[in-house]
C-alpha atoms as a PDB file:
ATOM      1  CA  MET A   1      77.124  64.944  65.737  1.00  0.00           C
ATOM      2  CA  LEU A   2      80.233  63.717  63.959  1.00  0.00           C
ATOM      3  CA  SER A   3      79.768  60.525  61.945  1.00  0.00           C
ATOM      4  CA  THR A   4      81.584  57.345  63.003  1.00  0.00           C
ATOM      5  CA  LEU A   5      83.797  57.536  59.894  1.00  0.00           C
ATOM      6  CA  LYS A   6      84.767  61.140  60.577  1.00  0.00           C
ATOM      7  CA  LYS A   7      85.556  60.303  64.190  1.00  0.00           C
ATOM      8  CA  TYR A   8      87.728  57.378  63.128  1.00  0.00           C
ATOM      9  CA  SER A   9      89.549  59.504  60.551  1.00  0.00           C
ATOM     10  CA  PHE A  10      90.217  62.236  63.068  1.00  0.00           C
ATOM     11  CA  ARG A  11      91.538  59.750  65.626  1.00  0.00           C
ATOM     12  CA  LYS A  12      93.999  58.461  63.020  1.00  0.00           C
ATOM     13  CA  PHE A  13      95.059  62.027  62.241  1.00  0.00           C
ATOM     14  CA  ARG A  14      95.488  62.774  65.951  1.00  0.00           C
ATOM     15  CA  ASP A  15      97.606  59.647  66.440  1.00  0.00           C
ATOM     16  CA  SER A  16      99.845  60.733  63.578  1.00  0.00           C
ATOM     17  CA  GLU A  17     100.232  64.216  65.046  1.00  0.00           C
ATOM     18  CA  ILE A  18     101.156  62.739  68.435  1.00  0.00           C
ATOM     19  CA  LYS A  19     103.731  60.429  66.860  1.00  0.00           C
ATOM     20  CA  ASN A  20     105.358  63.291  64.938  1.00  0.00           C
ATOM     21  CA  HIS A  21     104.904  65.864  67.782  1.00  0.00           C
ATOM     22  CA  GLU A  22     106.113  68.749  65.644  1.00  0.00           C
ATOM     23  CA  LEU A  23     106.562  71.895  67.720  1.00  0.00           C
ATOM     24  CA  ASN A  24     104.394  74.650  66.216  1.00  0.00           C
ATOM     25  CA  TYR A  25     103.808  77.035  69.142  1.00  0.00           C
ATOM     26  CA  LEU A  26     106.239  77.904  71.894  1.00  0.00           C
ATOM     27  CA  PHE A  27     104.946  80.079  74.714  1.00  0.00           C
ATOM     28  CA  TRP A  28     107.560  82.130  76.522  1.00  0.00           C
ATOM     29  CA  GLU A  29     106.413  83.178  79.985  1.00  0.00           C
ATOM     30  CA  CYS A  30     108.724  86.165  79.770  1.00  0.00           C
ATOM     31  CA  THR A  31     107.474  87.791  82.975  1.00  0.00           C
ATOM     32  CA  THR A  32     105.116  87.073  85.831  1.00  0.00           C
ATOM     33  CA  ARG A  33     104.799  90.762  86.607  1.00  0.00           C
ATOM     34  CA  CYS A  34     101.430  92.255  85.730  1.00  0.00           C
ATOM     35  CA  ASN A  35      99.908  95.735  85.781  1.00  0.00           C
ATOM     36  CA  LEU A  36      96.441  94.320  86.532  1.00  0.00           C
ATOM     37  CA  ASN A  37      95.096  92.079  89.269  1.00  0.00           C
ATOM     38  CA  CYS A  38      92.492  90.018  87.448  1.00  0.00           C
ATOM     39  CA  LEU A  39      90.004  87.964  89.434  1.00  0.00           C
ATOM     40  CA  HIS A  40      90.446  84.889  87.242  1.00  0.00           C
ATOM     41  CA  CYS A  41      94.233  84.804  86.826  1.00  0.00           C
ATOM     42  CA  GLY A  42      95.411  81.217  86.455  1.00  0.00           C
ATOM     43  CA  SER A  43      99.036  82.224  87.027  1.00  0.00           C
ATOM     44  CA  ASP A  44      98.319  84.386  90.083  1.00  0.00           C
ATOM     45  CA  CYS A  45     100.551  87.125  88.675  1.00  0.00           C
ATOM     46  CA  SER A  46     101.124  90.420  90.482  1.00  0.00           C
ATOM     47  CA  LYS A  47     103.029  93.694  90.275  1.00  0.00           C
ATOM     48  CA  ASP A  48     105.627  92.309  92.678  1.00  0.00           C
ATOM     49  CA  SER A  49     106.472  88.939  91.193  1.00  0.00           C
ATOM     50  CA  LEU A  50     108.568  86.465  93.135  1.00  0.00           C
ATOM     51  CA  HIS A  51     110.505  85.784  89.927  1.00  0.00           C
ATOM     52  CA  ASN A  52     112.770  88.144  88.037  1.00  0.00           C
ATOM     53  CA  ASP A  53     112.086  88.476  84.310  1.00  0.00           C
ATOM     54  CA  MET A  54     114.031  85.899  82.322  1.00  0.00           C
ATOM     55  CA  PRO A  55     116.926  87.550  80.469  1.00  0.00           C
ATOM     56  CA  VAL A  56     116.425  87.559  76.704  1.00  0.00           C
ATOM     57  CA  GLU A  57     119.826  85.924  76.242  1.00  0.00           C
ATOM     58  CA  ASP A  58     118.748  82.927  78.318  1.00  0.00           C
ATOM     59  CA  PHE A  59     115.613  82.444  76.255  1.00  0.00           C
ATOM     60  CA  LEU A  60     117.539  82.764  72.992  1.00  0.00           C
ATOM     61  CA  MET A  61     120.020  80.175  74.267  1.00  0.00           C
ATOM     62  CA  ALA A  62     117.116  77.741  74.517  1.00  0.00           C
ATOM     63  CA  ILE A  63     115.742  78.763  71.114  1.00  0.00           C
ATOM     64  CA  ASP A  64     119.129  78.143  69.523  1.00  0.00           C
ATOM     65  CA  THR A  65     118.834  74.431  70.316  1.00  0.00           C
ATOM     66  CA  ILE A  66     116.219  74.304  67.528  1.00  0.00           C
ATOM     67  CA  LYS A  67     118.462  73.610  64.542  1.00  0.00           C
ATOM     68  CA  LYS A  68     115.743  73.189  61.941  1.00  0.00           C
ATOM     69  CA  ILE A  69     112.706  75.476  62.044  1.00  0.00           C
ATOM     70  CA  PRO A  70     109.485  73.426  62.213  1.00  0.00           C
ATOM     71  CA  LYS A  71     106.658  74.285  59.832  1.00  0.00           C
ATOM     72  CA  ASN A  72     104.319  77.043  60.984  1.00  0.00           C
ATOM     73  CA  PHE A  73     106.444  77.663  64.080  1.00  0.00           C
ATOM     74  CA  THR A  74     105.649  80.733  66.205  1.00  0.00           C
ATOM     75  CA  VAL A  75     107.011  82.017  69.495  1.00  0.00           C
ATOM     76  CA  VAL A  76     104.274  83.546  71.662  1.00  0.00           C
ATOM     77  CA  PHE A  77     105.245  86.081  74.322  1.00  0.00           C
ATOM     78  CA  THR A  78     102.987  85.734  77.341  1.00  0.00           C
ATOM     79  CA  GLY A  79     103.061  86.452  81.060  1.00  0.00           C
ATOM     80  CA  GLY A  80     102.098  88.205  83.264  1.00  0.00           C
ATOM     81  CA  GLU A  81     101.953  91.187  80.964  1.00  0.00           C
ATOM     82  CA  PRO A  82     104.706  91.094  78.301  1.00  0.00           C
ATOM     83  CA  LEU A  83     104.519  94.850  77.634  1.00  0.00           C
ATOM     84  CA  LEU A  84     105.969  95.544  81.082  1.00  0.00           C
ATOM     85  CA  ARG A  85     109.257  94.474  79.532  1.00  0.00           C
ATOM     86  CA  LYS A  86     111.138  97.117  77.559  1.00  0.00           C
ATOM     87  CA  ASP A  87     113.123  94.576  75.533  1.00  0.00           C
ATOM     88  CA  ILE A  88     110.282  92.740  73.772  1.00  0.00           C
ATOM     89  CA  GLU A  89     111.188  94.443  70.504  1.00  0.00           C
ATOM     90  CA  TYR A  90     114.852  93.462  70.862  1.00  0.00           C
ATOM     91  CA  CYS A  91     113.902  89.831  71.451  1.00  0.00           C
ATOM     92  CA  GLY A  92     111.475  89.949  68.538  1.00  0.00           C
ATOM     93  CA  LYS A  93     114.178  91.219  66.199  1.00  0.00           C
ATOM     94  CA  GLU A  94     116.575  88.502  67.359  1.00  0.00           C
ATOM     95  CA  LEU A  95     113.938  85.870  66.650  1.00  0.00           C
ATOM     96  CA  ARG A  96     113.312  87.284  63.187  1.00  0.00           C
ATOM     97  CA  LYS A  97     117.073  87.175  62.480  1.00  0.00           C
ATOM     98  CA  ARG A  98     116.920  83.456  63.228  1.00  0.00           C
ATOM     99  CA  GLY A  99     113.936  82.988  60.912  1.00  0.00           C
ATOM    100  CA  PHE A 100     111.321  82.566  63.662  1.00  0.00           C
ATOM    101  CA  ARG A 101     107.919  84.235  63.677  1.00  0.00           C
ATOM    102  CA  TRP A 102     106.630  85.707  66.908  1.00  0.00           C
ATOM    103  CA  SER A 103     103.410  86.983  68.442  1.00  0.00           C
ATOM    104  CA  MET A 104     102.107  88.224  71.764  1.00  0.00           C
ATOM    105  CA  VAL A 105      99.202  87.918  74.202  1.00  0.00           C
ATOM    106  CA  THR A 106      98.392  91.141  76.074  1.00  0.00           C
ATOM    107  CA  ASN A 107      95.757  92.720  78.290  1.00  0.00           C
ATOM    108  CA  GLY A 108      96.134  95.868  76.146  1.00  0.00           C
ATOM    109  CA  HIS A 109      96.585  98.257  79.080  1.00  0.00           C
ATOM    110  CA  LEU A 110      99.971  99.528  77.873  1.00  0.00           C
ATOM    111  CA  TYR A 111      99.335  99.129  74.154  1.00  0.00           C
ATOM    112  CA  ASP A 112      99.572 102.645  72.723  1.00  0.00           C
ATOM    113  CA  LYS A 113     100.401 103.961  69.252  1.00  0.00           C
ATOM    114  CA  GLU A 114     104.135 104.253  69.890  1.00  0.00           C
ATOM    115  CA  ARG A 115     104.376 100.680  71.156  1.00  0.00           C
ATOM    116  CA  HIS A 116     102.159  99.412  68.350  1.00  0.00           C
ATOM    117  CA  ILE A 117     104.536 100.828  65.734  1.00  0.00           C
ATOM    118  CA  SER A 118     107.672  99.600  67.496  1.00  0.00           C
ATOM    119  CA  LEU A 119     106.278  96.062  67.846  1.00  0.00           C
ATOM    120  CA  LEU A 120     105.327  95.942  64.171  1.00  0.00           C
ATOM    121  CA  ASN A 121     108.781  97.225  63.218  1.00  0.00           C
ATOM    122  CA  ALA A 122     110.281  94.441  65.319  1.00  0.00           C
ATOM    123  CA  GLY A 123     108.398  91.879  63.240  1.00  0.00           C
ATOM    124  CA  MET A 124     105.394  91.012  65.392  1.00  0.00           C
ATOM    125  CA  GLY A 125     103.075  89.033  63.130  1.00  0.00           C
ATOM    126  CA  ALA A 126     100.162  88.186  65.398  1.00  0.00           C
ATOM    127  CA  LEU A 127      98.501  89.623  68.461  1.00  0.00           C
ATOM    128  CA  THR A 128      95.855  88.420  70.892  1.00  0.00           C
ATOM    129  CA  ILE A 129      94.052  90.898  73.139  1.00  0.00           C
ATOM    130  CA  SER A 130      91.643  90.032  75.949  1.00  0.00           C
ATOM    131  CA  LEU A 131      88.210  91.663  76.134  1.00  0.00           C
ATOM    132  CA  ASP A 132      86.045  90.303  78.925  1.00  0.00           C
ATOM    133  CA  GLY A 133      82.771  92.151  78.662  1.00  0.00           C
ATOM    134  CA  LEU A 134      81.279  95.588  78.315  1.00  0.00           C
ATOM    135  CA  ILE A 135      82.791  98.360  80.402  1.00  0.00           C
ATOM    136  CA  GLU A 136      81.436  97.380  83.829  1.00  0.00           C
ATOM    137  CA  SER A 137      81.909  93.622  83.583  1.00  0.00           C
ATOM    138  CA  HIS A 138      85.306  93.900  81.897  1.00  0.00           C
ATOM    139  CA  ASN A 139      86.650  96.308  84.499  1.00  0.00           C
ATOM    140  CA  TRP A 140      85.212  94.107  87.248  1.00  0.00           C
ATOM    141  CA  LEU A 141      87.058  91.010  86.024  1.00  0.00           C
ATOM    142  CA  ARG A 142      90.240  92.949  85.323  1.00  0.00           C
ATOM    143  CA  ASN A 143      89.947  94.690  88.691  1.00  0.00           C
ATOM    144  CA  ASN A 144      90.769  98.064  87.161  1.00  0.00           C
ATOM    145  CA  SER A 145      88.435 100.984  86.387  1.00  0.00           C
ATOM    146  CA  HIS A 146      90.501 102.162  83.382  1.00  0.00           C
ATOM    147  CA  SER A 147      91.083  98.803  81.701  1.00  0.00           C
ATOM    148  CA  PHE A 148      88.166  98.918  79.233  1.00  0.00           C
ATOM    149  CA  ASP A 149      89.025 102.359  77.822  1.00  0.00           C
ATOM    150  CA  LYS A 150      92.688 101.444  77.396  1.00  0.00           C
ATOM    151  CA  LEU A 151      91.666  98.192  75.771  1.00  0.00           C
ATOM    152  CA  MET A 152      89.406  99.880  73.217  1.00  0.00           C
ATOM    153  CA  ASN A 153      92.343 102.027  72.117  1.00  0.00           C
ATOM    154  CA  ALA A 154      94.497  98.903  71.759  1.00  0.00           C
ATOM    155  CA  ILE A 155      91.837  97.128  69.701  1.00  0.00           C
ATOM    156  CA  GLU A 156      91.494 100.071  67.323  1.00  0.00           C
ATOM    157  CA  LEU A 157      95.261 100.197  66.818  1.00  0.00           C
ATOM    158  CA  ALA A 158      95.532  96.465  66.188  1.00  0.00           C
ATOM    159  CA  ALA A 159      92.557  96.431  63.807  1.00  0.00           C
ATOM    160  CA  SER A 160      94.106  99.287  61.813  1.00  0.00           C
ATOM    161  CA  SER A 161      97.055  97.124  60.719  1.00  0.00           C
ATOM    162  CA  SER A 162      96.129  94.946  57.744  1.00  0.00           C
ATOM    163  CA  ARG A 163      99.254  92.785  58.011  1.00  0.00           C
ATOM    164  CA  LEU A 164      98.730  91.895  61.676  1.00  0.00           C
ATOM    165  CA  ASN A 165      97.005  88.581  62.388  1.00  0.00           C
ATOM    166  CA  PHE A 166      94.847  89.808  65.238  1.00  0.00           C
ATOM    167  CA  ASP A 167      92.116  88.279  67.379  1.00  0.00           C
ATOM    168  CA  ILE A 168      90.130  88.929  70.540  1.00  0.00           C
ATOM    169  CA  VAL A 169      89.640  86.385  73.305  1.00  0.00           C
ATOM    170  CA  THR A 170      86.804  86.636  75.798  1.00  0.00           C
ATOM    171  CA  CYS A 171      86.620  84.815  79.094  1.00  0.00           C
ATOM    172  CA  VAL A 172      82.913  84.033  79.465  1.00  0.00           C
ATOM    173  CA  ASN A 173      81.647  84.109  83.051  1.00  0.00           C
ATOM    174  CA  GLN A 174      78.432  84.734  84.973  1.00  0.00           C
ATOM    175  CA  LYS A 175      78.935  88.500  84.779  1.00  0.00           C
ATOM    176  CA  ASN A 176      79.180  88.765  80.976  1.00  0.00           C
ATOM    177  CA  ILE A 177      77.219  85.759  79.656  1.00  0.00           C
ATOM    178  CA  ASN A 178      74.228  88.019  78.952  1.00  0.00           C
ATOM    179  CA  GLU A 179      76.359  90.587  77.100  1.00  0.00           C
ATOM    180  CA  LEU A 180      77.671  88.375  74.327  1.00  0.00           C
ATOM    181  CA  ASP A 181      75.402  89.814  71.626  1.00  0.00           C
ATOM    182  CA  LYS A 182      76.455  93.365  72.478  1.00  0.00           C
ATOM    183  CA  ILE A 183      80.135  92.399  72.686  1.00  0.00           C
ATOM    184  CA  ARG A 184      79.839  90.826  69.254  1.00  0.00           C
ATOM    185  CA  GLU A 185      78.283  93.994  67.839  1.00  0.00           C
ATOM    186  CA  LEU A 186      81.024  96.077  69.435  1.00  0.00           C
ATOM    187  CA  LEU A 187      83.775  93.947  67.925  1.00  0.00           C
ATOM    188  CA  ILE A 188      82.212  94.064  64.458  1.00  0.00           C
ATOM    189  CA  SER A 189      81.975  97.855  64.740  1.00  0.00           C
ATOM    190  CA  LYS A 190      85.703  97.947  65.563  1.00  0.00           C
ATOM    191  CA  ASN A 191      86.508  95.862  62.463  1.00  0.00           C
ATOM    192  CA  VAL A 192      87.661  92.860  64.489  1.00  0.00           C
ATOM    193  CA  LYS A 193      87.731  89.780  62.260  1.00  0.00           C
ATOM    194  CA  ALA A 194      88.269  86.920  64.757  1.00  0.00           C
ATOM    195  CA  TRP A 195      86.835  86.199  68.201  1.00  0.00           C
ATOM    196  CA  ARG A 196      87.582  83.220  70.450  1.00  0.00           C
ATOM    197  CA  LEU A 197      85.500  82.475  73.517  1.00  0.00           C
ATOM    198  CA  PHE A 198      86.516  80.333  76.445  1.00  0.00           C
ATOM    199  CA  THR A 199      85.417  79.635  79.993  1.00  0.00           C
ATOM    200  CA  ILE A 200      87.186  79.682  83.334  1.00  0.00           C
ATOM    201  CA  ILE A 201      88.689  76.551  84.830  1.00  0.00           C
ATOM    202  CA  PRO A 202      88.825  76.572  88.665  1.00  0.00           C
ATOM    203  CA  ILE A 203      92.575  77.040  89.020  1.00  0.00           C
ATOM    204  CA  GLY A 204      94.652  79.927  90.372  1.00  0.00           C
ATOM    205  CA  ARG A 205      92.497  82.735  91.767  1.00  0.00           C
ATOM    206  CA  ALA A 206      89.411  81.324  90.069  1.00  0.00           C
ATOM    207  CA  ALA A 207      89.491  78.218  92.261  1.00  0.00           C
ATOM    208  CA  SER A 208      87.924  80.180  95.129  1.00  0.00           C
ATOM    209  CA  ASN A 209      85.432  82.308  93.137  1.00  0.00           C
ATOM    210  CA  ASP A 210      82.302  80.425  92.069  1.00  0.00           C
ATOM    211  CA  ASN A 211      80.893  83.581  90.416  1.00  0.00           C
ATOM    212  CA  LEU A 212      83.381  83.097  87.612  1.00  0.00           C
ATOM    213  CA  LEU A 213      82.230  79.603  86.674  1.00  0.00           C
ATOM    214  CA  LEU A 214      79.347  79.021  84.277  1.00  0.00           C
ATOM    215  CA  THR A 215      76.431  76.862  85.350  1.00  0.00           C
ATOM    216  CA  ASP A 216      75.494  73.932  83.134  1.00  0.00           C
ATOM    217  CA  ASP A 217      72.634  75.945  81.615  1.00  0.00           C
ATOM    218  CA  GLN A 218      74.890  78.919  80.950  1.00  0.00           C
ATOM    219  CA  PHE A 219      77.464  76.702  79.269  1.00  0.00           C
ATOM    220  CA  LEU A 220      74.799  75.290  76.958  1.00  0.00           C
ATOM    221  CA  GLU A 221      73.705  78.864  76.248  1.00  0.00           C
ATOM    222  CA  LEU A 222      77.287  79.686  75.252  1.00  0.00           C
ATOM    223  CA  MET A 223      77.413  76.724  72.865  1.00  0.00           C
ATOM    224  CA  GLU A 224      74.163  77.822  71.238  1.00  0.00           C
ATOM    225  CA  PHE A 225      75.374  81.402  70.924  1.00  0.00           C
ATOM    226  CA  ILE A 226      78.533  80.324  69.104  1.00  0.00           C
ATOM    227  CA  ASN A 227      76.662  77.816  66.963  1.00  0.00           C
ATOM    228  CA  GLN A 228      74.121  80.387  65.773  1.00  0.00           C
ATOM    229  CA  HIS A 229      76.573  83.184  65.077  1.00  0.00           C
ATOM    230  CA  ARG A 230      79.091  81.034  63.209  1.00  0.00           C
ATOM    231  CA  LYS A 231      76.445  80.843  60.479  1.00  0.00           C
ATOM    232  CA  THR A 232      76.385  84.601  59.840  1.00  0.00           C
ATOM    233  CA  LYS A 233      80.080  84.966  58.829  1.00  0.00           C
ATOM    234  CA  GLU A 234      80.172  88.581  60.060  1.00  0.00           C
ATOM    235  CA  ILE A 235      82.997  87.705  62.422  1.00  0.00           C
ATOM    236  CA  ASP A 236      84.993  84.479  62.741  1.00  0.00           C
ATOM    237  CA  ILE A 237      83.694  83.225  66.089  1.00  0.00           C
ATOM    238  CA  LYS A 238      84.710  79.952  67.698  1.00  0.00           C
ATOM    239  CA  PHE A 239      85.015  78.141  71.007  1.00  0.00           C
ATOM    240  CA  SER A 240      88.562  77.702  72.257  1.00  0.00           C
ATOM    241  CA  CYS A 241      90.447  74.401  72.376  1.00  0.00           C
ATOM    242  CA  GLU A 242      89.854  74.055  76.126  1.00  0.00           C
ATOM    243  CA  GLY A 243      87.646  70.976  76.093  1.00  0.00           C
ATOM    244  CA  TYR A 244      85.564  68.380  74.273  1.00  0.00           C
ATOM    245  CA  VAL A 245      81.953  69.478  73.761  1.00  0.00           C
ATOM    246  CA  GLY A 246      80.236  66.332  72.470  1.00  0.00           C
ATOM    247  CA  ARG A 247      77.283  67.047  70.198  1.00  0.00           C
ATOM    248  CA  TYR A 248      78.560  70.602  69.582  1.00  0.00           C
ATOM    249  CA  GLU A 249      81.971  69.538  68.259  1.00  0.00           C
ATOM    250  CA  SER A 250      81.165  70.251  64.605  1.00  0.00           C
ATOM    251  CA  LYS A 251      79.200  73.392  65.447  1.00  0.00           C
ATOM    252  CA  VAL A 252      81.432  75.638  67.556  1.00  0.00           C
ATOM    253  CA  ARG A 253      84.944  75.288  66.123  1.00  0.00           C
ATOM    254  CA  ASP A 254      86.680  74.631  62.830  1.00  0.00           C
ATOM    255  CA  THR A 255      88.125  71.225  63.716  1.00  0.00           C
ATOM    256  CA  SER A 256      87.397  68.502  66.230  1.00  0.00           C
ATOM    257  CA  PHE A 257      88.711  68.883  69.771  1.00  0.00           C
ATOM    258  CA  PHE A 258      92.387  68.087  70.109  1.00  0.00           C
ATOM    259  CA  CYS A 259      94.405  69.224  73.106  1.00  0.00           C
ATOM    260  CA  ARG A 260      97.796  69.847  71.515  1.00  0.00           C
ATOM    261  CA  ALA A 261      99.630  70.609  74.763  1.00  0.00           C
ATOM    262  CA  GLY A 262     102.954  68.781  74.635  1.00  0.00           C
ATOM    263  CA  ILE A 263     102.166  67.584  71.116  1.00  0.00           C
ATOM    264  CA  ASN A 264     102.448  70.777  69.095  1.00  0.00           C
ATOM    265  CA  ILE A 265     102.529  73.318  71.930  1.00  0.00           C
ATOM    266  CA  GLY A 266     105.397  73.842  74.349  1.00  0.00           C
ATOM    267  CA  SER A 267     106.452  76.516  76.798  1.00  0.00           C
ATOM    268  CA  ILE A 268     109.452  77.943  78.558  1.00  0.00           C
ATOM    269  CA  LEU A 269     108.332  79.202  81.954  1.00  0.00           C
ATOM    270  CA  ILE A 270     109.669  82.098  84.003  1.00  0.00           C
ATOM    271  CA  ASP A 271     112.151  79.941  85.956  1.00  0.00           C
ATOM    272  CA  GLY A 272     113.385  78.106  82.863  1.00  0.00           C
ATOM    273  CA  SER A 273     111.057  75.122  83.296  1.00  0.00           C
ATOM    274  CA  ILE A 274     110.052  73.336  80.094  1.00  0.00           C
ATOM    275  CA  SER A 275     106.379  72.434  79.789  1.00  0.00           C
ATOM    276  CA  ALA A 276     103.370  72.942  77.498  1.00  0.00           C
ATOM    277  CA  CYS A 277     100.667  75.607  77.983  1.00  0.00           C
ATOM    278  CA  PRO A 278     101.647  77.913  80.881  1.00  0.00           C
ATOM    279  CA  ASN A 279      98.427  77.210  82.848  1.00  0.00           C
ATOM    280  CA  ILE A 280      99.154  73.495  83.126  1.00  0.00           C
ATOM    281  CA  ASP A 281      99.992  72.137  86.591  1.00  0.00           C
ATOM    282  CA  ARG A 282     103.696  72.652  87.251  1.00  0.00           C
ATOM    283  CA  SER A 283     104.070  69.009  88.305  1.00  0.00           C
ATOM    284  CA  PHE A 284     104.116  68.202  84.571  1.00  0.00           C
ATOM    285  CA  VAL A 285     107.368  70.138  83.962  1.00  0.00           C
ATOM    286  CA  GLN A 286     109.679  68.095  81.719  1.00  0.00           C
ATOM    287  CA  GLY A 287     113.028  69.783  82.258  1.00  0.00           C
ATOM    288  CA  ASN A 288     114.745  73.146  82.605  1.00  0.00           C
ATOM    289  CA  ILE A 289     116.656  75.199  80.042  1.00  0.00           C
ATOM    290  CA  TYR A 290     119.379  75.951  82.600  1.00  0.00           C
ATOM    291  CA  LYS A 291     120.390  72.293  82.756  1.00  0.00           C
ATOM    292  CA  ASP A 292     118.791  70.637  79.717  1.00  0.00           C
ATOM    293  CA  ASN A 293     118.880  71.036  75.947  1.00  0.00           C
ATOM    294  CA  PHE A 294     115.420  72.451  75.241  1.00  0.00           C
ATOM    295  CA  PHE A 295     114.819  70.773  71.906  1.00  0.00           C
ATOM    296  CA  LYS A 296     116.093  67.392  73.078  1.00  0.00           C
ATOM    297  CA  VAL A 297     113.614  67.570  75.939  1.00  0.00           C
ATOM    298  CA  TRP A 298     110.865  68.376  73.446  1.00  0.00           C
ATOM    299  CA  GLU A 299     111.812  65.493  71.177  1.00  0.00           C
ATOM    300  CA  ASN A 300     112.408  62.833  73.816  1.00  0.00           C
ATOM    301  CA  LYS A 301     110.238  63.569  76.843  1.00  0.00           C
ATOM    302  CA  PHE A 302     106.635  64.843  77.316  1.00  0.00           C
ATOM    303  CA  HIS A 303     105.414  61.255  77.777  1.00  0.00           C
ATOM    304  CA  PRO A 304     102.390  62.169  79.992  1.00  0.00           C
ATOM    305  CA  PHE A 305     101.242  64.554  77.231  1.00  0.00           C
ATOM    306  CA  ARG A 306     101.629  62.102  74.376  1.00  0.00           C
ATOM    307  CA  ASN A 307     100.116  59.068  76.063  1.00  0.00           C
ATOM    308  CA  ARG A 308      97.179  60.252  78.153  1.00  0.00           C
ATOM    309  CA  ILE A 309      95.823  56.879  79.218  1.00  0.00           C
ATOM    310  CA  TRP A 310      96.585  57.930  82.811  1.00  0.00           C
ATOM    311  CA  THR A 311      93.611  60.332  82.543  1.00  0.00           C
ATOM    312  CA  LYS A 312      91.218  57.384  82.255  1.00  0.00           C
ATOM    313  CA  THR A 313      90.210  57.684  85.878  1.00  0.00           C
ATOM    314  CA  GLY A 314      87.346  59.171  87.874  1.00  0.00           C
ATOM    315  CA  LYS A 315      84.469  60.233  85.636  1.00  0.00           C
ATOM    316  CA  CYS A 316      86.637  59.633  82.547  1.00  0.00           C
ATOM    317  CA  GLU A 317      87.145  55.937  83.304  1.00  0.00           C
ATOM    318  CA  LEU A 318      83.847  54.651  81.901  1.00  0.00           C
ATOM    319  CA  CYS A 319      83.008  57.552  79.569  1.00  0.00           C
ATOM    320  CA  ASP A 320      81.862  56.463  76.109  1.00  0.00           C
ATOM    321  CA  SER A 321      83.504  59.568  74.589  1.00  0.00           C
ATOM    322  CA  TYR A 322      86.977  58.959  75.984  1.00  0.00           C
ATOM    323  CA  LYS A 323      88.472  57.998  72.611  1.00  0.00           C
ATOM    324  CA  ASP A 324      87.511  61.424  71.254  1.00  0.00           C
ATOM    325  CA  CYS A 325      88.088  63.455  74.419  1.00  0.00           C
ATOM    326  CA  ASN A 326      91.252  61.828  75.854  1.00  0.00           C
ATOM    327  CA  GLY A 327      90.614  63.320  79.268  1.00  0.00           C
ATOM    328  CA  ASN A 328      89.658  66.807  78.059  1.00  0.00           C
ATOM    329  CA  GLY A 329      92.050  69.785  78.064  1.00  0.00           C
ATOM    330  CA  PHE A 330      95.324  69.140  79.860  1.00  0.00           C
ATOM    331  CA  HIS A 331      94.903  72.165  82.135  1.00  0.00           C
ATOM    332  CA  ASN A 332      91.889  70.377  83.632  1.00  0.00           C
ATOM    333  CA  TRP A 333      94.235  68.097  85.588  1.00  0.00           C
ATOM    334  CA  HIS A 334      95.496  69.814  88.726  1.00  0.00           C
ATOM    335  CA  GLY A 335      96.188  68.777  92.298  1.00  0.00           C
ATOM    336  CA  GLU A 336      95.848  65.055  92.988  1.00  0.00           C
ATOM    337  CA  LYS A 337      94.724  64.410  89.378  1.00  0.00           C
ATOM    338  CA  LYS A 338      92.191  61.760  90.339  1.00  0.00           C
ATOM    339  CA  ASN A 339      89.423  63.406  88.354  1.00  0.00           C
ATOM    340  CA  VAL A 340      89.084  65.975  85.579  1.00  0.00           C
ATOM    341  CA  LEU A 341      88.216  69.410  86.992  1.00  0.00           C
ATOM    342  CA  VAL A 342      85.604  70.214  84.339  1.00  0.00           C
ATOM    343  CA  CYS A 343      83.855  67.952  81.852  1.00  0.00           C
ATOM    344  CA  HIS A 344      82.370  70.202  79.180  1.00  0.00           C
ATOM    345  CA  LYS A 345      80.328  67.424  77.589  1.00  0.00           C
ATOM    346  CA  GLU A 346      78.820  66.581  80.980  1.00  0.00           C
ATOM    347  CA  LYS A 347      77.741  70.180  81.508  1.00  0.00           C
ATOM    348  CA  ILE A 348      75.950  70.178  78.150  1.00  0.00           C
ATOM    349  CA  GLU A 349      74.201  66.850  78.715  1.00  0.00           C
ATOM    350  CA  ASN A 350      73.200  67.779  82.273  1.00  0.00           C
ATOM    351  CA  SER A 351      71.528  70.946  81.037  1.00  0.00           C
ATOM    352  CA  ILE A 352      69.750  69.227  78.133  1.00  0.00           C
ATOM    353  CA  CYS A 353      68.465  66.400  80.342  1.00  0.00           C
ATOM    354  CA  LYS A 354      67.231  68.814  83.014  1.00  0.00           C
ATOM    355  CA  ASN A 355      65.344  70.935  80.509  1.00  0.00           C
ATOM    356  CA  VAL A 356      63.800  67.910  78.782  1.00  0.00           C
ATOM    357  CA  ILE A 357      62.566  66.572  82.081  1.00  0.00           C
END
């Protein structure tokens, strides 16, 4: 458990970060086309997207409203599957000309040696690839019988580049929760240095598939797995920033929980909408690059993100951890927004209480 002094200090730090709201990560939802049909997709992407890919020139127009590059600023290409676009390298080079760093999130299906080299030559500095289990469970979630083999090739290519800041993310679900030890061993054998684990929030396709959601006991098992293996230092393993985990806060990640959506993290969505993380409910959109100055919107709007007192409702209203949690991860507020979709701390305490009894 974090001490009272440490909690107070972190709250002061968080307040300062909110006040300054320096933009550090900008997600570009450059396409909603995808070559897979994953069971858990929060964006409900498909091969035949309703939206055309945003032209690079339109995105760069928005980027050019940033007159002074913030510290540690990175553009993150996401989707859909960014590698379905043939002009990622061109956009990357244009960003580098402007002094911006860029990275990408990919399912790895199209990541071959030729593309690996061309992306590095275009200045890609970081890469995140999704691995969601051993061969059967990964292919099940990704809904594709070839996904795992293609992914292994992508991981080997990424791990071979010493200058690439590369990590693996794993979506932990009921199908792969018992494989975590073997996945860890596999990643170490592939020379992967960093591994982030997260769970599935019931949004998008996952809202109607209970098999994807961890039980309270399984979530506690995940916390214990991360806690134990962070001590070995063989691979940098951590829980994602998706939610506040109470007594495990100092055990499963490097810093205390802080949802930075709209505080340090923004996004430009496929239709030009300006928001934070792409999986956040679209009702929180703050503007649109086709009618608004992107950076002015970032500087002057985002009020629901920077003052989250509106989340003090439902189970959050009387929670004694609200000052540290602030309503949990922002993507946990969808639909009518009368209650948080998932309370991670509650899942942990429910499991502990049940097992004690």
